[in-house]
Amino acid sequence: MKATRRARASYVPAFVLTLGLCTIAFALPSGQVAASAAMQEDDSVTLTGCVQKGSGEDEIVLATADGKTYLLSGEVNVAAHVGHTVTVTGTVADAEEGDAVSGHVTVSTVTMVKDSCDE
């Protein structure tokens, strides 16, 4: 009888663990988890171009090869890269009607590609 009790005792923790994992798996809607991961990716943009002074006093813009310009802002010191080709990553907001730029980018990272804007 002791052998039978030990055999049953070893199955109980495995059963409880399996039941717990199944409960968690069904409690979390997989579509919601996937959607928030995709949303984070969609909010972020990576652009490469030439950093230039904008028309405003403290405006810094990124001019891309496809002719678009983006107004840059954020905690990163992008102004130090005026005249450089850089790659910026950040979140983008559409330009408002009448804006001369294609969008507004809040920069989270900047990487210098070249110390000039020459092609």
C-alpha atoms as a PDB file:
ATOM      1  CA  MET A   1       0.000   0.000   0.000  1.00  0.00           C
ATOM      2  CA  LYS A   2       2.842   2.400   0.635  1.00  0.00           C
ATOM      3  CA  ALA A   3       4.001   2.075  -2.969  1.00  0.00           C
ATOM      4  CA  THR A   4       0.533   3.033  -4.202  1.00  0.00           C
ATOM      5  CA  ARG A   5       0.399   6.108  -1.963  1.00  0.00           C
ATOM      6  CA  ARG A   6       3.804   7.256  -3.186  1.00  0.00           C
ATOM      7  CA  ALA A   7       2.773   6.791  -6.815  1.00  0.00           C
ATOM      8  CA  ARG A   8      -0.392   8.833  -6.269  1.00  0.00           C
ATOM      9  CA  ALA A   9       1.508  11.493  -4.325  1.00  0.00           C
ATOM     10  CA  SER A  10       3.936  12.042  -7.203  1.00  0.00           C
ATOM     11  CA  TYR A  11       1.063  12.543  -9.679  1.00  0.00           C
ATOM     12  CA  VAL A  12      -0.740  15.124  -7.549  1.00  0.00           C
ATOM     13  CA  PRO A  13       1.869  17.937  -7.897  1.00  0.00           C
ATOM     14  CA  ALA A  14       2.154  17.287 -11.647  1.00  0.00           C
ATOM     15  CA  PHE A  15      -1.643  17.377 -11.997  1.00  0.00           C
ATOM     16  CA  VAL A  16      -1.938  20.583  -9.970  1.00  0.00           C
ATOM     17  CA  LEU A  17       0.851  22.214 -12.006  1.00  0.00           C
ATOM     18  CA  THR A  18      -0.779  21.203 -15.305  1.00  0.00           C
ATOM     19  CA  LEU A  19      -4.180  22.420 -14.124  1.00  0.00           C
ATOM     20  CA  GLY A  20      -2.660  25.732 -13.007  1.00  0.00           C
ATOM     21  CA  LEU A  21      -0.890  26.298 -16.313  1.00  0.00           C
ATOM     22  CA  CYS A  22      -4.038  25.495 -18.280  1.00  0.00           C
ATOM     23  CA  THR A  23      -6.026  27.941 -16.158  1.00  0.00           C
ATOM     24  CA  ILE A  24      -3.496  30.700 -16.798  1.00  0.00           C
ATOM     25  CA  ALA A  25      -3.371  29.922 -20.526  1.00  0.00           C
ATOM     26  CA  PHE A  26      -7.131  30.208 -20.880  1.00  0.00           C
ATOM     27  CA  ALA A  27      -7.435  33.206 -18.562  1.00  0.00           C
ATOM     28  CA  LEU A  28      -5.123  35.340 -20.730  1.00  0.00           C
ATOM     29  CA  PRO A  29      -6.642  36.026 -24.125  1.00  0.00           C
ATOM     30  CA  SER A  30      -3.834  35.308 -26.546  1.00  0.00           C
ATOM     31  CA  GLY A  31      -5.101  37.871 -29.039  1.00  0.00           C
ATOM     32  CA  GLN A  32      -4.795  40.644 -26.463  1.00  0.00           C
ATOM     33  CA  VAL A  33      -1.206  39.705 -25.633  1.00  0.00           C
ATOM     34  CA  ALA A  34      -0.270  39.602 -29.325  1.00  0.00           C
ATOM     35  CA  ALA A  35      -2.047  42.885 -30.008  1.00  0.00           C
ATOM     36  CA  SER A  36      -0.125  44.811 -27.345  1.00  0.00           C
ATOM     37  CA  ALA A  37       3.192  43.488 -28.654  1.00  0.00           C
ATOM     38  CA  ALA A  38       2.256  44.557 -32.169  1.00  0.00           C
ATOM     39  CA  MET A  39       1.100  47.941 -30.905  1.00  0.00           C
ATOM     40  CA  GLN A  40       4.482  48.603 -29.323  1.00  0.00           C
ATOM     41  CA  GLU A  41       6.191  47.765 -32.599  1.00  0.00           C
ATOM     42  CA  ASP A  42       3.795  49.949 -34.602  1.00  0.00           C
ATOM     43  CA  ASP A  43       4.347  52.977 -32.352  1.00  0.00           C
ATOM     44  CA  SER A  44       8.087  52.909 -32.959  1.00  0.00           C
ATOM     45  CA  VAL A  45       9.690  54.123 -36.179  1.00  0.00           C
ATOM     46  CA  THR A  46      13.280  54.111 -37.424  1.00  0.00           C
ATOM     47  CA  LEU A  47      14.319  56.752 -39.936  1.00  0.00           C
ATOM     48  CA  THR A  48      17.642  57.612 -41.555  1.00  0.00           C
ATOM     49  CA  GLY A  49      18.469  61.008 -42.980  1.00  0.00           C
ATOM     50  CA  CYS A  50      20.255  64.314 -42.614  1.00  0.00           C
ATOM     51  CA  VAL A  51      19.782  66.368 -39.441  1.00  0.00           C
ATOM     52  CA  GLN A  52      19.192  70.036 -40.254  1.00  0.00           C
ATOM     53  CA  LYS A  53      18.132  73.196 -38.448  1.00  0.00           C
ATOM     54  CA  GLY A  54      14.448  73.869 -38.930  1.00  0.00           C
ATOM     55  CA  SER A  55      12.741  77.143 -39.743  1.00  0.00           C
ATOM     56  CA  GLY A  56      12.045  77.877 -36.070  1.00  0.00           C
ATOM     57  CA  GLU A  57      14.693  78.987 -33.583  1.00  0.00           C
ATOM     58  CA  ASP A  58      15.010  75.651 -31.767  1.00  0.00           C
ATOM     59  CA  GLU A  59      13.612  73.372 -34.473  1.00  0.00           C
ATOM     60  CA  ILE A  60      15.629  70.373 -35.640  1.00  0.00           C
ATOM     61  CA  VAL A  61      14.428  68.320 -38.595  1.00  0.00           C
ATOM     62  CA  LEU A  62      15.438  65.091 -40.274  1.00  0.00           C
ATOM     63  CA  ALA A  63      15.414  65.133 -44.078  1.00  0.00           C
ATOM     64  CA  THR A  64      15.094  61.617 -45.498  1.00  0.00           C
ATOM     65  CA  ALA A  65      16.176  60.357 -48.923  1.00  0.00           C
ATOM     66  CA  ASP A  66      12.550  60.095 -50.082  1.00  0.00           C
ATOM     67  CA  GLY A  67      12.115  63.872 -49.694  1.00  0.00           C
ATOM     68  CA  LYS A  68      10.198  63.830 -46.409  1.00  0.00           C
ATOM     69  CA  THR A  69      11.119  65.930 -43.393  1.00  0.00           C
ATOM     70  CA  TYR A  70      10.321  65.155 -39.769  1.00  0.00           C
ATOM     71  CA  LEU A  71      10.368  67.576 -36.850  1.00  0.00           C
ATOM     72  CA  LEU A  72      12.501  65.999 -34.095  1.00  0.00           C
ATOM     73  CA  SER A  73      12.038  66.360 -30.345  1.00  0.00           C
ATOM     74  CA  GLY A  74      12.733  64.378 -27.183  1.00  0.00           C
ATOM     75  CA  GLU A  75      15.325  63.966 -24.470  1.00  0.00           C
ATOM     76  CA  VAL A  76      18.088  62.912 -26.885  1.00  0.00           C
ATOM     77  CA  ASN A  77      20.431  65.728 -27.994  1.00  0.00           C
ATOM     78  CA  VAL A  78      19.798  65.531 -31.728  1.00  0.00           C
ATOM     79  CA  ALA A  79      20.968  69.137 -32.216  1.00  0.00           C
ATOM     80  CA  ALA A  80      24.540  67.922 -31.717  1.00  0.00           C
ATOM     81  CA  HIS A  81      24.133  66.023 -35.000  1.00  0.00           C
ATOM     82  CA  VAL A  82      23.176  68.939 -37.275  1.00  0.00           C
ATOM     83  CA  GLY A  83      24.940  68.295 -40.584  1.00  0.00           C
ATOM     84  CA  HIS A  84      25.283  64.555 -39.879  1.00  0.00           C
ATOM     85  CA  THR A  85      23.536  61.575 -41.410  1.00  0.00           C
ATOM     86  CA  VAL A  86      21.870  59.688 -38.560  1.00  0.00           C
ATOM     87  CA  THR A  87      19.396  56.946 -37.821  1.00  0.00           C
ATOM     88  CA  VAL A  88      16.769  57.899 -35.251  1.00  0.00           C
ATOM     89  CA  THR A  89      14.291  55.673 -33.474  1.00  0.00           C
ATOM     90  CA  GLY A  90      11.225  57.012 -31.719  1.00  0.00           C
ATOM     91  CA  THR A  91       7.506  57.480 -31.853  1.00  0.00           C
ATOM     92  CA  VAL A  92       5.915  59.373 -34.700  1.00  0.00           C
ATOM     93  CA  ALA A  93       2.842  61.567 -34.770  1.00  0.00           C
ATOM     94  CA  ASP A  94       1.264  62.665 -38.021  1.00  0.00           C
ATOM     95  CA  ALA A  95       1.796  66.229 -39.101  1.00  0.00           C
ATOM     96  CA  GLU A  96      -1.071  68.609 -38.617  1.00  0.00           C
ATOM     97  CA  GLU A  97      -2.749  70.185 -41.602  1.00  0.00           C
ATOM     98  CA  GLY A  98      -0.643  73.047 -42.902  1.00  0.00           C
ATOM     99  CA  ASP A  99       2.620  71.768 -41.393  1.00  0.00           C
ATOM    100  CA  ALA A 100       5.658  71.888 -43.643  1.00  0.00           C
ATOM    101  CA  VAL A 101       6.890  68.556 -42.224  1.00  0.00           C
ATOM    102  CA  SER A 102       5.717  64.988 -42.820  1.00  0.00           C
ATOM    103  CA  GLY A 103       5.469  64.181 -39.122  1.00  0.00           C
ATOM    104  CA  HIS A 104       6.739  64.792 -35.609  1.00  0.00           C
ATOM    105  CA  VAL A 105       9.168  62.256 -34.114  1.00  0.00           C
ATOM    106  CA  THR A 106       9.871  61.990 -30.399  1.00  0.00           C
ATOM    107  CA  VAL A 107      13.383  60.551 -30.571  1.00  0.00           C
ATOM    108  CA  SER A 108      14.428  57.839 -28.124  1.00  0.00           C
ATOM    109  CA  THR A 109      17.775  56.925 -29.748  1.00  0.00           C
ATOM    110  CA  VAL A 110      20.061  58.482 -32.328  1.00  0.00           C
ATOM    111  CA  THR A 111      22.979  56.787 -34.065  1.00  0.00           C
ATOM    112  CA  MET A 112      25.383  58.670 -36.288  1.00  0.00           C
ATOM    113  CA  VAL A 113      25.814  56.995 -39.680  1.00  0.00           C
ATOM    114  CA  LYS A 114      28.136  59.593 -41.220  1.00  0.00           C
ATOM    115  CA  ASP A 115      29.620  62.870 -40.028  1.00  0.00           C
ATOM    116  CA  SER A 116      28.227  64.658 -43.099  1.00  0.00           C
ATOM    117  CA  CYS A 117      25.053  64.719 -45.154  1.00  0.00           C
ATOM    118  CA  ASP A 118      26.841  64.196 -48.459  1.00  0.00           C
ATOM    119  CA  GLU A 119      25.769  61.159 -50.416  1.00  0.00           C
END
